[in-house]
Amino acid sequence: MVLPMLMLGGCKPPPDAEHHMPEASAQRGLLAVQRAGCGACHRIPGLAWPQGRSGPSLEGFADQGLIAGRLPNRPDTLAAYVRDAPATLPGTTMPAMPLTPAEARDVAAYLYSTGDR
């Protein structure tokens, strides 16, 4: 009886629970993505133009295990990274973005929601 309970405790939470951000708004996140100009470098689902190609496509972002190939894909890490990538991951080519902490959480919520499209 104990072994199955231990095994369940080690299971990964479902994707929606793993990236749940109760105070963030994916809808506001899309507006912040547009205002900050993230599409100049990235292809972003739901953003018709521009469709940048110098940065990676952000399609299916919630399914990626790592941010920038090096950081765990967690809401707190993603929000910090989209706001100030150089401080979060020194040596990255992504610049700091003109986002408030709340906007950065909204952007993270948007990126996690794009797998539903």
C-alpha atoms as a PDB file:
ATOM      1  CA  MET A   1       0.000   0.000   0.000  1.00  0.00           C
ATOM      2  CA  VAL A   2       2.835   2.417   0.779  1.00  0.00           C
ATOM      3  CA  LEU A   3       4.681   1.821  -2.507  1.00  0.00           C
ATOM      4  CA  PRO A   4       1.816   3.003  -4.757  1.00  0.00           C
ATOM      5  CA  MET A   5       1.395   6.119  -2.618  1.00  0.00           C
ATOM      6  CA  LEU A   6       5.113   6.884  -2.896  1.00  0.00           C
ATOM      7  CA  MET A   7       4.960   6.364  -6.648  1.00  0.00           C
ATOM      8  CA  LEU A   8       2.038   8.788  -6.964  1.00  0.00           C
ATOM      9  CA  GLY A   9       3.938  11.398  -4.969  1.00  0.00           C
ATOM     10  CA  GLY A  10       6.730  11.316  -7.542  1.00  0.00           C
ATOM     11  CA  CYS A  11       4.430  11.850 -10.510  1.00  0.00           C
ATOM     12  CA  LYS A  12       4.597  15.061 -12.426  1.00  0.00           C
ATOM     13  CA  PRO A  13       1.519  17.279 -12.055  1.00  0.00           C
ATOM     14  CA  PRO A  14      -0.689  17.695 -15.120  1.00  0.00           C
ATOM     15  CA  PRO A  15       0.585  20.439 -17.485  1.00  0.00           C
ATOM     16  CA  ASP A  16      -2.217  22.859 -16.641  1.00  0.00           C
ATOM     17  CA  ALA A  17      -1.518  22.562 -12.903  1.00  0.00           C
ATOM     18  CA  GLU A  18       2.227  22.768 -13.444  1.00  0.00           C
ATOM     19  CA  HIS A  19       1.953  26.156 -15.157  1.00  0.00           C
ATOM     20  CA  HIS A  20      -1.053  27.492 -13.246  1.00  0.00           C
ATOM     21  CA  MET A  21      -0.702  31.216 -12.572  1.00  0.00           C
ATOM     22  CA  PRO A  22      -3.842  32.346 -10.698  1.00  0.00           C
ATOM     23  CA  GLU A  23      -3.122  36.088 -10.692  1.00  0.00           C
ATOM     24  CA  ALA A  24      -1.908  36.288 -14.278  1.00  0.00           C
ATOM     25  CA  SER A  25      -3.962  36.903 -17.409  1.00  0.00           C
ATOM     26  CA  ALA A  26      -3.094  35.308 -20.740  1.00  0.00           C
ATOM     27  CA  GLN A  27      -5.252  37.932 -22.469  1.00  0.00           C
ATOM     28  CA  ARG A  28      -3.239  40.779 -20.899  1.00  0.00           C
ATOM     29  CA  GLY A  29      -0.098  38.788 -21.718  1.00  0.00           C
ATOM     30  CA  LEU A  30      -0.805  38.912 -25.439  1.00  0.00           C
ATOM     31  CA  LEU A  31      -1.239  42.693 -25.217  1.00  0.00           C
ATOM     32  CA  ALA A  32       2.091  42.967 -23.359  1.00  0.00           C
ATOM     33  CA  VAL A  33       3.792  40.774 -25.998  1.00  0.00           C
ATOM     34  CA  GLN A  34       2.494  43.103 -28.708  1.00  0.00           C
ATOM     35  CA  ARG A  35       3.484  46.275 -26.843  1.00  0.00           C
ATOM     36  CA  ALA A  36       6.985  45.034 -25.964  1.00  0.00           C
ATOM     37  CA  GLY A  37       7.639  43.923 -29.545  1.00  0.00           C
ATOM     38  CA  CYS A  38       8.450  40.281 -28.759  1.00  0.00           C
ATOM     39  CA  GLY A  39       7.347  39.300 -32.266  1.00  0.00           C
ATOM     40  CA  ALA A  40      10.305  41.195 -33.736  1.00  0.00           C
ATOM     41  CA  CYS A  41      12.488  38.244 -32.722  1.00  0.00           C
ATOM     42  CA  HIS A  42      10.081  35.349 -32.069  1.00  0.00           C
ATOM     43  CA  ARG A  43       7.254  33.565 -33.853  1.00  0.00           C
ATOM     44  CA  ILE A  44       4.447  33.712 -31.332  1.00  0.00           C
ATOM     45  CA  PRO A  45       1.129  31.872 -31.671  1.00  0.00           C
ATOM     46  CA  GLY A  46      -1.780  34.292 -31.873  1.00  0.00           C
ATOM     47  CA  LEU A  47       0.430  37.110 -33.124  1.00  0.00           C
ATOM     48  CA  ALA A  48      -0.085  37.622 -36.854  1.00  0.00           C
ATOM     49  CA  TRP A  49       2.698  40.135 -37.344  1.00  0.00           C
ATOM     50  CA  PRO A  50       5.607  40.418 -37.009  1.00  0.00           C
ATOM     51  CA  GLN A  51       6.882  36.856 -37.134  1.00  0.00           C
ATOM     52  CA  GLY A  52      10.528  37.214 -36.106  1.00  0.00           C
ATOM     53  CA  ARG A  53      13.078  34.542 -36.848  1.00  0.00           C
ATOM     54  CA  SER A  54      16.174  35.618 -34.937  1.00  0.00           C
ATOM     55  CA  GLY A  55      14.866  34.026 -31.724  1.00  0.00           C
ATOM     56  CA  PRO A  56      13.215  30.632 -31.365  1.00  0.00           C
ATOM     57  CA  SER A  57       9.561  30.031 -32.129  1.00  0.00           C
ATOM     58  CA  LEU A  58       7.515  30.109 -28.932  1.00  0.00           C
ATOM     59  CA  GLU A  59       4.862  27.763 -30.278  1.00  0.00           C
ATOM     60  CA  GLY A  60       4.167  24.921 -27.853  1.00  0.00           C
ATOM     61  CA  PHE A  61       6.185  26.644 -25.144  1.00  0.00           C
ATOM     62  CA  ALA A  62       4.379  24.905 -22.275  1.00  0.00           C
ATOM     63  CA  ASP A  63       5.647  21.549 -23.517  1.00  0.00           C
ATOM     64  CA  GLN A  64       9.305  22.581 -23.470  1.00  0.00           C
ATOM     65  CA  GLY A  65      11.293  21.343 -20.499  1.00  0.00           C
ATOM     66  CA  LEU A  66      13.745  24.231 -20.466  1.00  0.00           C
ATOM     67  CA  ILE A  67      13.743  27.980 -21.008  1.00  0.00           C
ATOM     68  CA  ALA A  68      16.560  29.052 -23.345  1.00  0.00           C
ATOM     69  CA  GLY A  69      17.823  25.487 -23.171  1.00  0.00           C
ATOM     70  CA  ARG A  70      19.141  25.964 -19.633  1.00  0.00           C
ATOM     71  CA  LEU A  71      16.519  27.056 -17.093  1.00  0.00           C
ATOM     72  CA  PRO A  72      13.642  24.953 -15.719  1.00  0.00           C
ATOM     73  CA  ASN A  73      10.370  25.841 -17.401  1.00  0.00           C
ATOM     74  CA  ARG A  74       8.484  27.105 -14.346  1.00  0.00           C
ATOM     75  CA  PRO A  75       6.181  30.138 -14.116  1.00  0.00           C
ATOM     76  CA  ASP A  76       8.399  32.093 -11.719  1.00  0.00           C
ATOM     77  CA  THR A  77      11.517  31.466 -13.803  1.00  0.00           C
ATOM     78  CA  LEU A  78       9.760  32.316 -17.064  1.00  0.00           C
ATOM     79  CA  ALA A  79       8.345  35.573 -15.704  1.00  0.00           C
ATOM     80  CA  ALA A  80      11.804  36.609 -14.476  1.00  0.00           C
ATOM     81  CA  TYR A  81      13.386  35.609 -17.795  1.00  0.00           C
ATOM     82  CA  VAL A  82      10.958  37.472 -20.071  1.00  0.00           C
ATOM     83  CA  ARG A  83      11.379  40.601 -17.964  1.00  0.00           C
ATOM     84  CA  ASP A  84      15.172  40.599 -17.557  1.00  0.00           C
ATOM     85  CA  ALA A  85      16.796  37.722 -19.404  1.00  0.00           C
ATOM     86  CA  PRO A  86      20.409  38.931 -18.925  1.00  0.00           C
ATOM     87  CA  ALA A  87      19.989  39.024 -15.132  1.00  0.00           C
ATOM     88  CA  THR A  88      18.276  35.632 -15.096  1.00  0.00           C
ATOM     89  CA  LEU A  89      20.645  33.914 -17.528  1.00  0.00           C
ATOM     90  CA  PRO A  90      23.926  35.811 -17.978  1.00  0.00           C
ATOM     91  CA  GLY A  91      25.267  35.557 -21.514  1.00  0.00           C
ATOM     92  CA  THR A  92      21.862  35.175 -23.166  1.00  0.00           C
ATOM     93  CA  THR A  93      21.262  37.147 -26.343  1.00  0.00           C
ATOM     94  CA  MET A  94      17.729  38.109 -25.301  1.00  0.00           C
ATOM     95  CA  PRO A  95      17.596  41.686 -24.012  1.00  0.00           C
ATOM     96  CA  ALA A  96      15.799  42.947 -20.931  1.00  0.00           C
ATOM     97  CA  MET A  97      12.253  43.856 -21.891  1.00  0.00           C
ATOM     98  CA  PRO A  98      10.159  46.877 -20.837  1.00  0.00           C
ATOM     99  CA  LEU A  99       7.753  44.825 -18.710  1.00  0.00           C
ATOM    100  CA  THR A 100       6.556  45.272 -15.147  1.00  0.00           C
ATOM    101  CA  PRO A 101       6.621  42.186 -12.897  1.00  0.00           C
ATOM    102  CA  ALA A 102       2.835  41.825 -13.366  1.00  0.00           C
ATOM    103  CA  GLU A 103       3.145  42.107 -17.157  1.00  0.00           C
ATOM    104  CA  ALA A 104       5.920  39.506 -17.137  1.00  0.00           C
ATOM    105  CA  ARG A 105       3.613  37.086 -15.272  1.00  0.00           C
ATOM    106  CA  ASP A 106       0.888  37.817 -17.835  1.00  0.00           C
ATOM    107  CA  VAL A 107       3.313  37.101 -20.702  1.00  0.00           C
ATOM    108  CA  ALA A 108       4.279  33.810 -19.047  1.00  0.00           C
ATOM    109  CA  ALA A 109       0.581  32.916 -18.676  1.00  0.00           C
ATOM    110  CA  TYR A 110       0.065  33.695 -22.362  1.00  0.00           C
ATOM    111  CA  LEU A 111       3.000  31.555 -23.460  1.00  0.00           C
ATOM    112  CA  TYR A 112       1.713  28.656 -21.370  1.00  0.00           C
ATOM    113  CA  SER A 113      -1.763  29.049 -22.895  1.00  0.00           C
ATOM    114  CA  THR A 114      -0.638  28.912 -26.533  1.00  0.00           C
ATOM    115  CA  GLY A 115      -0.598  25.120 -26.572  1.00  0.00           C
ATOM    116  CA  ASP A 116      -4.390  25.269 -26.328  1.00  0.00           C
ATOM    117  CA  ARG A 117      -4.716  27.023 -29.699  1.00  0.00           C
END
